[in-house]
Amino acid sequence: MDLDVQLSEYPRGELRVYKSGVWHPACGSNFTATGASAACQKMGYTYGRVHVTDQAYTVDSMFLGFCEPGQEIGKCNTQPMNG
């Protein structure tokens, strides 16, 4: 599944994911710098970083998974890979 991503504000903001006609805030307790970089690269940036919050949402958020190096947003693992 290929997902579109955007920031809530430019050039820095909250990551949002587009699915089924709706923009959702991205979430993931194990969303790492690898996943952030994948999302940022999809938006044309060279790298990204994670800013962890305890944000509570009033809309459905989108779990992005456990991204491994080289994986695209929407194609990340649903569980961590055993190494």
PDB file of N, CA and C in Angstrom:
ATOM      1  N   MET A   1       0.850  -1.162   0.000  1.00  0.00           N
ATOM      2  CA  MET A   1       0.000   0.000   0.000  1.00  0.00           C
ATOM      3  C   MET A   1       0.900   1.231   0.000  1.00  0.00           C
ATOM      4  N   ASP A   2       0.731   2.099  -0.974  1.00  0.00           N
ATOM      5  CA  ASP A   2       1.503   3.327  -1.058  1.00  0.00           C
ATOM      6  C   ASP A   2       0.677   4.450  -0.446  1.00  0.00           C
ATOM      7  N   LEU A   3       1.227   5.126   0.548  1.00  0.00           N
ATOM      8  CA  LEU A   3       0.512   6.181   1.251  1.00  0.00           C
ATOM      9  C   LEU A   3       1.130   7.534   0.957  1.00  0.00           C
ATOM     10  N   ASP A   4       0.288   8.547   0.813  1.00  0.00           N
ATOM     11  CA  ASP A   4       0.778   9.915   0.699  1.00  0.00           C
ATOM     12  C   ASP A   4       0.970  10.469   2.095  1.00  0.00           C
ATOM     13  N   VAL A   5       1.954  11.338   2.255  1.00  0.00           N
ATOM     14  CA  VAL A   5       2.227  11.962   3.538  1.00  0.00           C
ATOM     15  C   VAL A   5       2.389  13.466   3.339  1.00  0.00           C
ATOM     16  N   GLN A   6       2.129  14.208   4.404  1.00  0.00           N
ATOM     17  CA  GLN A   6       2.330  15.648   4.393  1.00  0.00           C
ATOM     18  C   GLN A   6       2.620  16.114   5.816  1.00  0.00           C
ATOM     19  N   LEU A   7       3.086  17.341   5.942  1.00  0.00           N
ATOM     20  CA  LEU A   7       3.271  17.953   7.247  1.00  0.00           C
ATOM     21  C   LEU A   7       2.103  18.891   7.516  1.00  0.00           C
ATOM     22  N   SER A   8       1.724  19.025   8.782  1.00  0.00           N
ATOM     23  CA  SER A   8       0.634  19.921   9.143  1.00  0.00           C
ATOM     24  C   SER A   8       1.007  21.380   8.903  1.00  0.00           C
ATOM     25  N   GLU A   9       2.296  21.692   8.973  1.00  0.00           N
ATOM     26  CA  GLU A   9       2.812  23.030   8.717  1.00  0.00           C
ATOM     27  C   GLU A   9       4.146  22.895   7.992  1.00  0.00           C
ATOM     28  N   TYR A  10       4.491  23.879   7.179  1.00  0.00           N
ATOM     29  CA  TYR A  10       5.742  23.852   6.437  1.00  0.00           C
ATOM     30  C   TYR A  10       6.713  24.836   7.072  1.00  0.00           C
ATOM     31  N   PRO A  11       7.978  24.526   7.226  1.00  0.00           N
ATOM     32  CA  PRO A  11       8.693  23.325   6.815  1.00  0.00           C
ATOM     33  C   PRO A  11       8.739  22.251   7.897  1.00  0.00           C
ATOM     34  N   ARG A  12       8.185  22.534   9.091  1.00  0.00           N
ATOM     35  CA  ARG A  12       8.161  21.542  10.172  1.00  0.00           C
ATOM     36  C   ARG A  12       6.736  21.425  10.658  1.00  0.00           C
ATOM     37  N   GLY A  13       6.355  20.217  10.993  1.00  0.00           N
ATOM     38  CA  GLY A  13       4.998  20.025  11.495  1.00  0.00           C
ATOM     39  C   GLY A  13       4.741  18.576  11.819  1.00  0.00           C
ATOM     40  N   GLU A  14       3.514  18.308  12.168  1.00  0.00           N
ATOM     41  CA  GLU A  14       3.086  16.954  12.496  1.00  0.00           C
ATOM     42  C   GLU A  14       2.894  16.159  11.211  1.00  0.00           C
ATOM     43  N   LEU A  15       3.362  14.923  11.210  1.00  0.00           N
ATOM     44  CA  LEU A  15       3.221  14.062  10.041  1.00  0.00           C
ATOM     45  C   LEU A  15       1.786  13.578   9.918  1.00  0.00           C
ATOM     46  N   ARG A  16       1.252  13.701   8.713  1.00  0.00           N
ATOM     47  CA  ARG A  16      -0.098  13.216   8.416  1.00  0.00           C
ATOM     48  C   ARG A  16      -0.032  12.242   7.247  1.00  0.00           C
ATOM     49  N   VAL A  17      -0.945  11.271   7.274  1.00  0.00           N
ATOM     50  CA  VAL A  17      -0.983  10.205   6.270  1.00  0.00           C
ATOM     51  C   VAL A  17      -2.354  10.215   5.608  1.00  0.00           C
ATOM     52  N   TYR A  18      -2.371  10.125   4.271  1.00  0.00           N
ATOM     53  CA  TYR A  18      -3.618  10.149   3.500  1.00  0.00           C
ATOM     54  C   TYR A  18      -4.048   8.724   3.171  1.00  0.00           C
ATOM     55  N   LYS A  19      -5.241   8.363   3.604  1.00  0.00           N
ATOM     56  CA  LYS A  19      -5.784   7.038   3.321  1.00  0.00           C
ATOM     57  C   LYS A  19      -7.299   7.134   3.229  1.00  0.00           C
ATOM     58  N   SER A  20      -7.855   6.515   2.209  1.00  0.00           N
ATOM     59  CA  SER A  20      -9.306   6.450   1.994  1.00  0.00           C
ATOM     60  C   SER A  20      -9.946   7.831   1.997  1.00  0.00           C
ATOM     61  N   GLY A  21      -9.275   8.798   1.370  1.00  0.00           N
ATOM     62  CA  GLY A  21      -9.839  10.126   1.210  1.00  0.00           C
ATOM     63  C   GLY A  21      -9.733  11.042   2.416  1.00  0.00           C
ATOM     64  N   VAL A  22      -8.970  10.628   3.445  1.00  0.00           N
ATOM     65  CA  VAL A  22      -8.873  11.407   4.680  1.00  0.00           C
ATOM     66  C   VAL A  22      -7.410  11.504   5.111  1.00  0.00           C
ATOM     67  N   TRP A  23      -7.009  12.696   5.598  1.00  0.00           N
ATOM     68  CA  TRP A  23      -5.682  12.871   6.203  1.00  0.00           C
ATOM     69  C   TRP A  23      -5.765  12.491   7.670  1.00  0.00           C
ATOM     70  N   HIS A  24      -4.889  11.597   8.111  1.00  0.00           N
ATOM     71  CA  HIS A  24      -4.846  11.112   9.495  1.00  0.00           C
ATOM     72  C   HIS A  24      -3.521  11.502  10.138  1.00  0.00           C
ATOM     73  N   PRO A  25      -3.515  11.863  11.426  1.00  0.00           N
ATOM     74  CA  PRO A  25      -2.222  12.050  12.101  1.00  0.00           C
ATOM     75  C   PRO A  25      -1.504  10.707  12.190  1.00  0.00           C
ATOM     76  N   ALA A  26      -0.198  10.734  12.007  1.00  0.00           N
ATOM     77  CA  ALA A  26       0.603   9.511  12.092  1.00  0.00           C
ATOM     78  C   ALA A  26       0.917   9.205  13.548  1.00  0.00           C
ATOM     79  N   CYS A  27       0.938   7.927  13.878  1.00  0.00           N
ATOM     80  CA  CYS A  27       1.322   7.541  15.229  1.00  0.00           C
ATOM     81  C   CYS A  27       2.087   6.230  15.173  1.00  0.00           C
ATOM     82  N   GLY A  28       2.698   5.906  16.252  1.00  0.00           N
ATOM     83  CA  GLY A  28       3.425   4.652  16.369  1.00  0.00           C
ATOM     84  C   GLY A  28       4.401   4.744  17.510  1.00  0.00           C
ATOM     85  N   SER A  29       4.173   3.965  18.533  1.00  0.00           N
ATOM     86  CA  SER A  29       5.052   4.032  19.690  1.00  0.00           C
ATOM     87  C   SER A  29       6.467   3.600  19.341  1.00  0.00           C
ATOM     88  N   ASN A  30       6.628   2.863  18.252  1.00  0.00           N
ATOM     89  CA  ASN A  30       7.955   2.424  17.827  1.00  0.00           C
ATOM     90  C   ASN A  30       8.335   3.009  16.472  1.00  0.00           C
ATOM     91  N   PHE A  31       7.748   4.143  16.126  1.00  0.00           N
ATOM     92  CA  PHE A  31       8.100   4.833  14.887  1.00  0.00           C
ATOM     93  C   PHE A  31       9.443   5.512  15.127  1.00  0.00           C
ATOM     94  N   THR A  32      10.460   5.069  14.428  1.00  0.00           N
ATOM     95  CA  THR A  32      11.840   5.494  14.699  1.00  0.00           C
ATOM     96  C   THR A  32      12.319   6.517  13.675  1.00  0.00           C
ATOM     97  N   ALA A  33      13.569   6.913  13.823  1.00  0.00           N
ATOM     98  CA  ALA A  33      14.196   7.831  12.877  1.00  0.00           C
ATOM     99  C   ALA A  33      14.208   7.243  11.464  1.00  0.00           C
ATOM    100  N   THR A  34      14.276   5.922  11.347  1.00  0.00           N
ATOM    101  CA  THR A  34      14.229   5.279  10.029  1.00  0.00           C
ATOM    102  C   THR A  34      12.897   5.558   9.351  1.00  0.00           C
ATOM    103  N   GLY A  35      11.812   5.418  10.095  1.00  0.00           N
ATOM    104  CA  GLY A  35      10.487   5.716   9.553  1.00  0.00           C
ATOM    105  C   GLY A  35      10.322   7.192   9.241  1.00  0.00           C
ATOM    106  N   ALA A  36      10.836   8.044  10.117  1.00  0.00           N
ATOM    107  CA  ALA A  36      10.760   9.488   9.884  1.00  0.00           C
ATOM    108  C   ALA A  36      11.514   9.858   8.615  1.00  0.00           C
ATOM    109  N   SER A  37      12.676   9.268   8.422  1.00  0.00           N
ATOM    110  CA  SER A  37      13.450   9.539   7.210  1.00  0.00           C
ATOM    111  C   SER A  37      12.707   9.074   5.966  1.00  0.00           C
ATOM    112  N   ALA A  38      12.056   7.912   6.038  1.00  0.00           N
ATOM    113  CA  ALA A  38      11.279   7.411   4.892  1.00  0.00           C
ATOM    114  C   ALA A  38      10.150   8.374   4.557  1.00  0.00           C
ATOM    115  N   ALA A  39       9.451   8.874   5.567  1.00  0.00           N
ATOM    116  CA  ALA A  39       8.357   9.821   5.338  1.00  0.00           C
ATOM    117  C   ALA A  39       8.891  11.125   4.764  1.00  0.00           C
ATOM    118  N   CYS A  40       9.981  11.609   5.330  1.00  0.00           N
ATOM    119  CA  CYS A  40      10.564  12.871   4.858  1.00  0.00           C
ATOM    120  C   CYS A  40      11.074  12.746   3.424  1.00  0.00           C
ATOM    121  N   GLN A  41      11.684  11.623   3.096  1.00  0.00           N
ATOM    122  CA  GLN A  41      12.168  11.415   1.732  1.00  0.00           C
ATOM    123  C   GLN A  41      11.007  11.385   0.751  1.00  0.00           C
ATOM    124  N   LYS A  42       9.882  10.825   1.159  1.00  0.00           N
ATOM    125  CA  LYS A  42       8.704  10.790   0.296  1.00  0.00           C
ATOM    126  C   LYS A  42       8.205  12.210   0.003  1.00  0.00           C
ATOM    127  N   MET A  43       8.455  13.143   0.946  1.00  0.00           N
ATOM    128  CA  MET A  43       8.038  14.534   0.758  1.00  0.00           C
ATOM    129  C   MET A  43       9.134  15.377   0.101  1.00  0.00           C
ATOM    130  N   GLY A  44      10.274  14.758  -0.242  1.00  0.00           N
ATOM    131  CA  GLY A  44      11.331  15.470  -0.932  1.00  0.00           C
ATOM    132  C   GLY A  44      12.452  15.987  -0.049  1.00  0.00           C
ATOM    133  N   TYR A  45      12.387  15.707   1.253  1.00  0.00           N
ATOM    134  CA  TYR A  45      13.470  16.084   2.163  1.00  0.00           C
ATOM    135  C   TYR A  45      14.556  15.007   2.119  1.00  0.00           C
ATOM    136  N   THR A  46      15.754  15.331   2.568  1.00  0.00           N
ATOM    137  CA  THR A  46      16.828  14.346   2.568  1.00  0.00           C
ATOM    138  C   THR A  46      16.836  13.492   3.832  1.00  0.00           C
ATOM    139  N   TYR A  47      16.282  13.990   4.930  1.00  0.00           N
ATOM    140  CA  TYR A  47      16.235  13.221   6.169  1.00  0.00           C
ATOM    141  C   TYR A  47      15.123  13.770   7.054  1.00  0.00           C
ATOM    142  N   GLY A  48      14.871  13.087   8.144  1.00  0.00           N
ATOM    143  CA  GLY A  48      13.877  13.544   9.107  1.00  0.00           C
ATOM    144  C   GLY A  48      14.191  13.025  10.485  1.00  0.00           C
ATOM    145  N   ARG A  49      13.440  13.498  11.443  1.00  0.00           N
ATOM    146  CA  ARG A  49      13.622  13.012  12.807  1.00  0.00           C
ATOM    147  C   ARG A  49      12.272  12.932  13.496  1.00  0.00           C
ATOM    148  N   VAL A  50      12.254  12.153  14.554  1.00  0.00           N
ATOM    149  CA  VAL A  50      11.025  11.926  15.312  1.00  0.00           C
ATOM    150  C   VAL A  50      10.988  12.876  16.499  1.00  0.00           C
ATOM    151  N   HIS A  51       9.841  13.498  16.678  1.00  0.00           N
ATOM    152  CA  HIS A  51       9.589  14.296  17.880  1.00  0.00           C
ATOM    153  C   HIS A  51       8.460  13.589  18.632  1.00  0.00           C
ATOM    154  N   VAL A  52       8.786  12.994  19.775  1.00  0.00           N
ATOM    155  CA  VAL A  52       7.831  12.173  20.519  1.00  0.00           C
ATOM    156  C   VAL A  52       6.946  13.056  21.388  1.00  0.00           C
ATOM    157  N   THR A  53       5.642  12.801  21.309  1.00  0.00           N
ATOM    158  CA  THR A  53       4.669  13.503  22.145  1.00  0.00           C
ATOM    159  C   THR A  53       3.694  12.491  22.722  1.00  0.00           C
ATOM    160  N   ASP A  54       2.913  12.929  23.657  1.00  0.00           N
ATOM    161  CA  ASP A  54       1.807  12.123  24.185  1.00  0.00           C
ATOM    162  C   ASP A  54       0.488  12.697  23.694  1.00  0.00           C
ATOM    163  N   GLN A  55       0.484  13.112  22.438  1.00  0.00           N
ATOM    164  CA  GLN A  55      -0.665  13.763  21.830  1.00  0.00           C
ATOM    165  C   GLN A  55      -1.884  12.848  21.835  1.00  0.00           C
ATOM    166  N   ALA A  56      -3.012  13.368  22.287  1.00  0.00           N
ATOM    167  CA  ALA A  56      -4.293  12.656  22.202  1.00  0.00           C
ATOM    168  C   ALA A  56      -5.066  13.250  21.025  1.00  0.00           C
ATOM    169  N   TYR A  57      -5.569  12.413  20.156  1.00  0.00           N
ATOM    170  CA  TYR A  57      -6.267  12.884  18.960  1.00  0.00           C
ATOM    171  C   TYR A  57      -7.773  12.719  19.097  1.00  0.00           C
ATOM    172  N   THR A  58      -8.505  13.634  18.466  1.00  0.00           N
ATOM    173  CA  THR A  58      -9.961  13.537  18.427  1.00  0.00           C
ATOM    174  C   THR A  58     -10.426  12.890  17.127  1.00  0.00           C
ATOM    175  N   VAL A  59      -9.464  12.527  16.270  1.00  0.00           N
ATOM    176  CA  VAL A  59      -9.744  11.814  15.021  1.00  0.00           C
ATOM    177  C   VAL A  59      -8.903  10.547  15.005  1.00  0.00           C
ATOM    178  N   ASP A  60      -9.242   9.616  14.126  1.00  0.00           N
ATOM    179  CA  ASP A  60      -8.470   8.377  14.017  1.00  0.00           C
ATOM    180  C   ASP A  60      -7.053   8.683  13.539  1.00  0.00           C
ATOM    181  N   SER A  61      -6.083   8.097  14.223  1.00  0.00           N
ATOM    182  CA  SER A  61      -4.692   8.245  13.796  1.00  0.00           C
ATOM    183  C   SER A  61      -4.287   7.009  13.002  1.00  0.00           C
ATOM    184  N   MET A  62      -3.172   7.108  12.301  1.00  0.00           N
ATOM    185  CA  MET A  62      -2.706   6.033  11.427  1.00  0.00           C
ATOM    186  C   MET A  62      -1.409   5.462  11.963  1.00  0.00           C
ATOM    187  N   PHE A  63      -1.419   4.174  12.337  1.00  0.00           N
ATOM    188  CA  PHE A  63      -0.208   3.499  12.787  1.00  0.00           C
ATOM    189  C   PHE A  63       0.645   3.187  11.576  1.00  0.00           C
ATOM    190  N   LEU A  64       1.905   3.594  11.609  1.00  0.00           N
ATOM    191  CA  LEU A  64       2.790   3.412  10.453  1.00  0.00           C
ATOM    192  C   LEU A  64       3.645   2.168  10.518  1.00  0.00           C
ATOM    193  N   GLY A  65       3.765   1.553  11.652  1.00  0.00           N
ATOM    194  CA  GLY A  65       4.529   0.322  11.732  1.00  0.00           C
ATOM    195  C   GLY A  65       5.971   0.523  12.114  1.00  0.00           C
ATOM    196  N   PHE A  66       6.713  -0.540  11.987  1.00  0.00           N
ATOM    197  CA  PHE A  66       8.122  -0.595  12.360  1.00  0.00           C
ATOM    198  C   PHE A  66       8.943  -0.537  11.077  1.00  0.00           C
ATOM    199  N   CYS A  67       9.344   0.650  10.686  1.00  0.00           N
ATOM    200  CA  CYS A  67      10.077   0.804   9.427  1.00  0.00           C
ATOM    201  C   CYS A  67      11.517   0.343   9.575  1.00  0.00           C
ATOM    202  N   GLU A  68      11.956  -0.418   8.618  1.00  0.00           N
ATOM    203  CA  GLU A  68      13.335  -0.868   8.523  1.00  0.00           C
ATOM    204  C   GLU A  68      14.012  -0.044   7.424  1.00  0.00           C
ATOM    205  N   PRO A  69      15.334   0.066   7.438  1.00  0.00           N
ATOM    206  CA  PRO A  69      16.021   0.819   6.393  1.00  0.00           C
ATOM    207  C   PRO A  69      15.596   0.364   4.997  1.00  0.00           C
ATOM    208  N   GLY A  70      15.245   1.329   4.146  1.00  0.00           N
ATOM    209  CA  GLY A  70      14.856   1.037   2.776  1.00  0.00           C
ATOM    210  C   GLY A  70      13.368   0.805   2.564  1.00  0.00           C
ATOM    211  N   GLN A  71      12.591   0.637   3.640  1.00  0.00           N
ATOM    212  CA  GLN A  71      11.161   0.423   3.475  1.00  0.00           C
ATOM    213  C   GLN A  71      10.445   1.753   3.255  1.00  0.00           C
ATOM    214  N   GLU A  72       9.387   1.715   2.444  1.00  0.00           N
ATOM    215  CA  GLU A  72       8.591   2.899   2.176  1.00  0.00           C
ATOM    216  C   GLU A  72       7.453   2.989   3.184  1.00  0.00           C
ATOM    217  N   ILE A  73       7.012   4.208   3.445  1.00  0.00           N
ATOM    218  CA  ILE A  73       5.848   4.419   4.306  1.00  0.00           C
ATOM    219  C   ILE A  73       4.673   3.662   3.705  1.00  0.00           C
ATOM    220  N   GLY A  74       3.943   2.948   4.507  1.00  0.00           N
ATOM    221  CA  GLY A  74       2.831   2.125   4.042  1.00  0.00           C
ATOM    222  C   GLY A  74       3.236   0.692   3.766  1.00  0.00           C
ATOM    223  N   LYS A  75       4.544   0.432   3.748  1.00  0.00           N
ATOM    224  CA  LYS A  75       5.041  -0.919   3.502  1.00  0.00           C
ATOM    225  C   LYS A  75       5.902  -1.409   4.664  1.00  0.00           C
ATOM    226  N   CYS A  76       5.850  -0.692   5.782  1.00  0.00           N
ATOM    227  CA  CYS A  76       6.641  -1.076   6.953  1.00  0.00           C
ATOM    228  C   CYS A  76       6.016  -2.284   7.625  1.00  0.00           C
ATOM    229  N   ASN A  77       6.801  -2.984   8.411  1.00  0.00           N
ATOM    230  CA  ASN A  77       6.334  -4.178   9.109  1.00  0.00           C
ATOM    231  C   ASN A  77       5.287  -3.823  10.157  1.00  0.00           C
ATOM    232  N   THR A  78       4.368  -4.724  10.415  1.00  0.00           N
ATOM    233  CA  THR A  78       3.389  -4.495  11.455  1.00  0.00           C
ATOM    234  C   THR A  78       3.933  -4.886  12.826  1.00  0.00           C
ATOM    235  N   GLN A  79       5.025  -5.652  12.823  1.00  0.00           N
ATOM    236  CA  GLN A  79       5.696  -6.028  14.066  1.00  0.00           C
ATOM    237  C   GLN A  79       7.197  -5.921  13.829  1.00  0.00           C
ATOM    238  N   PRO A  80       7.973  -5.701  14.904  1.00  0.00           N
ATOM    239  CA  PRO A  80       9.429  -5.602  14.706  1.00  0.00           C
ATOM    240  C   PRO A  80       9.995  -6.904  14.176  1.00  0.00           C
ATOM    241  N   MET A  81      11.003  -6.765  13.296  1.00  0.00           N
ATOM    242  CA  MET A  81      11.677  -7.958  12.774  1.00  0.00           C
ATOM    243  C   MET A  81      12.648  -8.468  13.819  1.00  0.00           C
ATOM    244  N   ASN A  82      12.735  -9.778  13.951  1.00  0.00           N
ATOM    245  CA  ASN A  82      13.701 -10.369  14.865  1.00  0.00           C
ATOM    246  C   ASN A  82      15.063 -10.373  14.184  1.00  0.00           C
ATOM    247  N   GLY A  83      16.071  -9.859  14.879  1.00  0.00           N
ATOM    248  CA  GLY A  83      17.362  -9.723  14.232  1.00  0.00           C
ATOM    249  C   GLY A  83      18.329 -10.724  14.696  1.00  0.00           C
TER     250      GLY A  83
END
